[in-house]
Amino acid sequence: MCELNKNDPDSVPQDKVLVLKSLVCKSTLAGENNPDYVLLIAQGNNIPYNWSSNMWAGETAPLCGSVNFDDIAFIEIDIGSTKIGPYDVRKNGESLQRFQEGKADYILLYQVNP
């Protein structure tokens, strides 16, 4: 389980915390049996959270990252030169964001804590 380090002043929430849980690849932009190189970016108030990996159709990648934000955070994924997003994140609780472009279909599961 991913938790904030309460002893680290950089990880103490300012207003809200976007906690990234997992990224699910339903189908790749590359198609059929080819992986996508995916870059996930979450931007809050300060330094963005970046995660990258090759992903295959049907794969779920567990995530353990968070960003602090006041009113709005932004999430996007880049697959090669294809950028999907950014989408804004505002409401508290568990949510998902679907990223679709061409054959690519990804679902990001996340939670916003007040």
C-alpha atoms as a PDB file:
ATOM      1  CA  MET A   1       0.000   0.000   0.000  1.00  0.00           C
ATOM      2  CA  CYS A   2       1.224   3.487  -0.795  1.00  0.00           C
ATOM      3  CA  GLU A   3       1.189   6.039   2.017  1.00  0.00           C
ATOM      4  CA  LEU A   4       2.459   9.545   2.444  1.00  0.00           C
ATOM      5  CA  ASN A   5       5.540   9.977   4.586  1.00  0.00           C
ATOM      6  CA  LYS A   6       4.305  12.314   7.323  1.00  0.00           C
ATOM      7  CA  ASN A   7       7.892  13.075   8.397  1.00  0.00           C
ATOM      8  CA  ASP A   8       8.729  14.484   4.969  1.00  0.00           C
ATOM      9  CA  PRO A   9       7.553  18.131   4.701  1.00  0.00           C
ATOM     10  CA  ASP A  10       7.367  17.807   0.900  1.00  0.00           C
ATOM     11  CA  SER A  11       4.753  15.041   1.180  1.00  0.00           C
ATOM     12  CA  VAL A  12       2.400  16.808   3.604  1.00  0.00           C
ATOM     13  CA  PRO A  13      -0.820  17.656   1.761  1.00  0.00           C
ATOM     14  CA  GLN A  14      -1.591  21.316   1.161  1.00  0.00           C
ATOM     15  CA  ASP A  15      -5.283  20.962   0.386  1.00  0.00           C
ATOM     16  CA  LYS A  16      -5.967  17.751  -1.539  1.00  0.00           C
ATOM     17  CA  VAL A  17      -3.896  14.734  -2.550  1.00  0.00           C
ATOM     18  CA  LEU A  18      -4.278  12.875  -5.847  1.00  0.00           C
ATOM     19  CA  VAL A  19      -3.259   9.247  -5.201  1.00  0.00           C
ATOM     20  CA  LEU A  20      -2.638   7.168  -8.330  1.00  0.00           C
ATOM     21  CA  LYS A  21      -3.677   3.519  -7.948  1.00  0.00           C
ATOM     22  CA  SER A  22      -3.364   1.670 -11.262  1.00  0.00           C
ATOM     23  CA  LEU A  23      -3.281   2.048 -15.024  1.00  0.00           C
ATOM     24  CA  VAL A  24      -5.176  -0.546 -17.069  1.00  0.00           C
ATOM     25  CA  CYS A  25      -4.389  -1.109 -20.747  1.00  0.00           C
ATOM     26  CA  LYS A  26      -7.499  -2.360 -22.549  1.00  0.00           C
ATOM     27  CA  SER A  27      -5.866  -2.061 -26.003  1.00  0.00           C
ATOM     28  CA  THR A  28      -2.680  -0.495 -27.357  1.00  0.00           C
ATOM     29  CA  LEU A  29      -2.207   2.248 -29.923  1.00  0.00           C
ATOM     30  CA  ALA A  30       0.379  -0.003 -31.594  1.00  0.00           C
ATOM     31  CA  GLY A  31      -2.366  -2.607 -32.078  1.00  0.00           C
ATOM     32  CA  GLU A  32      -2.697  -6.363 -31.749  1.00  0.00           C
ATOM     33  CA  ASN A  33       0.307  -7.987 -30.047  1.00  0.00           C
ATOM     34  CA  ASN A  34       2.461  -4.873 -29.826  1.00  0.00           C
ATOM     35  CA  PRO A  35       3.185  -2.910 -26.632  1.00  0.00           C
ATOM     36  CA  ASP A  36       2.916   0.846 -26.180  1.00  0.00           C
ATOM     37  CA  TYR A  37       5.581   2.857 -24.387  1.00  0.00           C
ATOM     38  CA  VAL A  38       3.388   4.874 -22.008  1.00  0.00           C
ATOM     39  CA  LEU A  39       4.307   7.977 -20.015  1.00  0.00           C
ATOM     40  CA  LEU A  40       1.790   8.956 -17.313  1.00  0.00           C
ATOM     41  CA  ILE A  41       2.038  12.504 -15.954  1.00  0.00           C
ATOM     42  CA  ALA A  42       0.135  13.870 -12.959  1.00  0.00           C
ATOM     43  CA  GLN A  43       0.609  17.572 -12.202  1.00  0.00           C
ATOM     44  CA  GLY A  44      -0.424  19.262  -8.977  1.00  0.00           C
ATOM     45  CA  ASN A  45       1.056  22.324  -7.285  1.00  0.00           C
ATOM     46  CA  ASN A  46       4.724  21.422  -7.482  1.00  0.00           C
ATOM     47  CA  ILE A  47       6.859  18.729  -9.070  1.00  0.00           C
ATOM     48  CA  PRO A  48       4.868  16.431 -11.385  1.00  0.00           C
ATOM     49  CA  TYR A  49       4.653  12.693 -10.840  1.00  0.00           C
ATOM     50  CA  ASN A  50       5.929  10.762 -13.882  1.00  0.00           C
ATOM     51  CA  TRP A  51       5.645   7.042 -14.491  1.00  0.00           C
ATOM     52  CA  SER A  52       6.588   5.171 -17.652  1.00  0.00           C
ATOM     53  CA  SER A  53       6.614   1.601 -18.902  1.00  0.00           C
ATOM     54  CA  ASN A  54       5.891  -0.627 -21.876  1.00  0.00           C
ATOM     55  CA  MET A  55       2.293  -1.808 -21.617  1.00  0.00           C
ATOM     56  CA  TRP A  56       0.547  -4.677 -23.370  1.00  0.00           C
ATOM     57  CA  ALA A  57      -3.183  -5.063 -23.987  1.00  0.00           C
ATOM     58  CA  GLY A  58      -4.825  -6.628 -20.940  1.00  0.00           C
ATOM     59  CA  GLU A  59      -2.069  -5.498 -18.573  1.00  0.00           C
ATOM     60  CA  THR A  60      -2.674  -3.651 -15.293  1.00  0.00           C
ATOM     61  CA  ALA A  61       0.185  -1.632 -13.808  1.00  0.00           C
ATOM     62  CA  PRO A  62      -0.028  -0.900 -10.073  1.00  0.00           C
ATOM     63  CA  LEU A  63       0.980   2.667  -9.250  1.00  0.00           C
ATOM     64  CA  CYS A  64       2.281   4.206  -6.042  1.00  0.00           C
ATOM     65  CA  GLY A  65       2.481   7.951  -6.476  1.00  0.00           C
ATOM     66  CA  SER A  66       0.736  11.104  -5.389  1.00  0.00           C
ATOM     67  CA  VAL A  67       0.667  14.846  -5.990  1.00  0.00           C
ATOM     68  CA  ASN A  68      -0.610  17.656  -3.788  1.00  0.00           C
ATOM     69  CA  PHE A  69      -2.954  20.278  -5.236  1.00  0.00           C
ATOM     70  CA  ASP A  70      -5.215  23.109  -4.126  1.00  0.00           C
ATOM     71  CA  ASP A  71      -8.172  23.171  -6.544  1.00  0.00           C
ATOM     72  CA  ILE A  72      -7.275  21.304  -9.743  1.00  0.00           C
ATOM     73  CA  ALA A  73      -4.716  18.647 -10.700  1.00  0.00           C
ATOM     74  CA  PHE A  74      -4.073  17.428 -14.251  1.00  0.00           C
ATOM     75  CA  ILE A  75      -3.424  13.937 -15.628  1.00  0.00           C
ATOM     76  CA  GLU A  76      -2.337  12.867 -19.100  1.00  0.00           C
ATOM     77  CA  ILE A  77      -0.655   9.987 -20.864  1.00  0.00           C
ATOM     78  CA  ASP A  78       1.752  10.120 -23.767  1.00  0.00           C
ATOM     79  CA  ILE A  79       2.127   7.137 -26.080  1.00  0.00           C
ATOM     80  CA  GLY A  80       5.118   7.861 -28.266  1.00  0.00           C
ATOM     81  CA  SER A  81       4.271  11.186 -29.908  1.00  0.00           C
ATOM     82  CA  THR A  82       0.536  10.864 -29.154  1.00  0.00           C
ATOM     83  CA  LYS A  83      -0.606  12.925 -26.178  1.00  0.00           C
ATOM     84  CA  ILE A  84      -3.975  12.097 -24.553  1.00  0.00           C
ATOM     85  CA  GLY A  85      -5.163  14.747 -22.116  1.00  0.00           C
ATOM     86  CA  PRO A  86      -4.611  16.635 -19.973  1.00  0.00           C
ATOM     87  CA  TYR A  87      -7.780  15.994 -17.987  1.00  0.00           C
ATOM     88  CA  ASP A  88      -8.568  17.902 -14.824  1.00  0.00           C
ATOM     89  CA  VAL A  89      -9.106  16.248 -11.443  1.00  0.00           C
ATOM     90  CA  ARG A  90     -11.214  18.015  -8.816  1.00  0.00           C
ATOM     91  CA  LYS A  91     -13.663  15.868  -6.856  1.00  0.00           C
ATOM     92  CA  ASN A  92     -12.876  13.865  -3.719  1.00  0.00           C
ATOM     93  CA  GLY A  93     -13.114  10.083  -3.596  1.00  0.00           C
ATOM     94  CA  GLU A  94     -12.268   7.227  -5.920  1.00  0.00           C
ATOM     95  CA  SER A  95     -12.574   7.860  -9.644  1.00  0.00           C
ATOM     96  CA  LEU A  96     -11.348   6.701 -13.011  1.00  0.00           C
ATOM     97  CA  GLN A  97     -10.262   8.494 -16.146  1.00  0.00           C
ATOM     98  CA  ARG A  98     -10.432   6.871 -19.547  1.00  0.00           C
ATOM     99  CA  PHE A  99      -7.793   7.755 -22.143  1.00  0.00           C
ATOM    100  CA  GLN A 100      -8.748   6.849 -25.724  1.00  0.00           C
ATOM    101  CA  GLU A 101      -7.082   7.722 -29.019  1.00  0.00           C
ATOM    102  CA  GLY A 102      -7.121   5.581 -32.160  1.00  0.00           C
ATOM    103  CA  LYS A 103      -6.776   1.974 -31.009  1.00  0.00           C
ATOM    104  CA  ALA A 104      -5.448   3.004 -27.581  1.00  0.00           C
ATOM    105  CA  ASP A 105      -7.746   2.490 -24.594  1.00  0.00           C
ATOM    106  CA  TYR A 106      -6.397   3.046 -21.075  1.00  0.00           C
ATOM    107  CA  ILE A 107      -8.129   3.498 -17.724  1.00  0.00           C
ATOM    108  CA  LEU A 108      -6.456   5.249 -14.784  1.00  0.00           C
ATOM    109  CA  LEU A 109      -7.824   4.484 -11.318  1.00  0.00           C
ATOM    110  CA  TYR A 110      -7.147   7.140  -8.703  1.00  0.00           C
ATOM    111  CA  GLN A 111      -8.378   8.652  -5.466  1.00  0.00           C
ATOM    112  CA  VAL A 112      -8.524  12.237  -4.237  1.00  0.00           C
ATOM    113  CA  ASN A 113      -8.187  12.728  -0.503  1.00  0.00           C
ATOM    114  CA  PRO A 114      -9.239  16.011   1.087  1.00  0.00           C
END
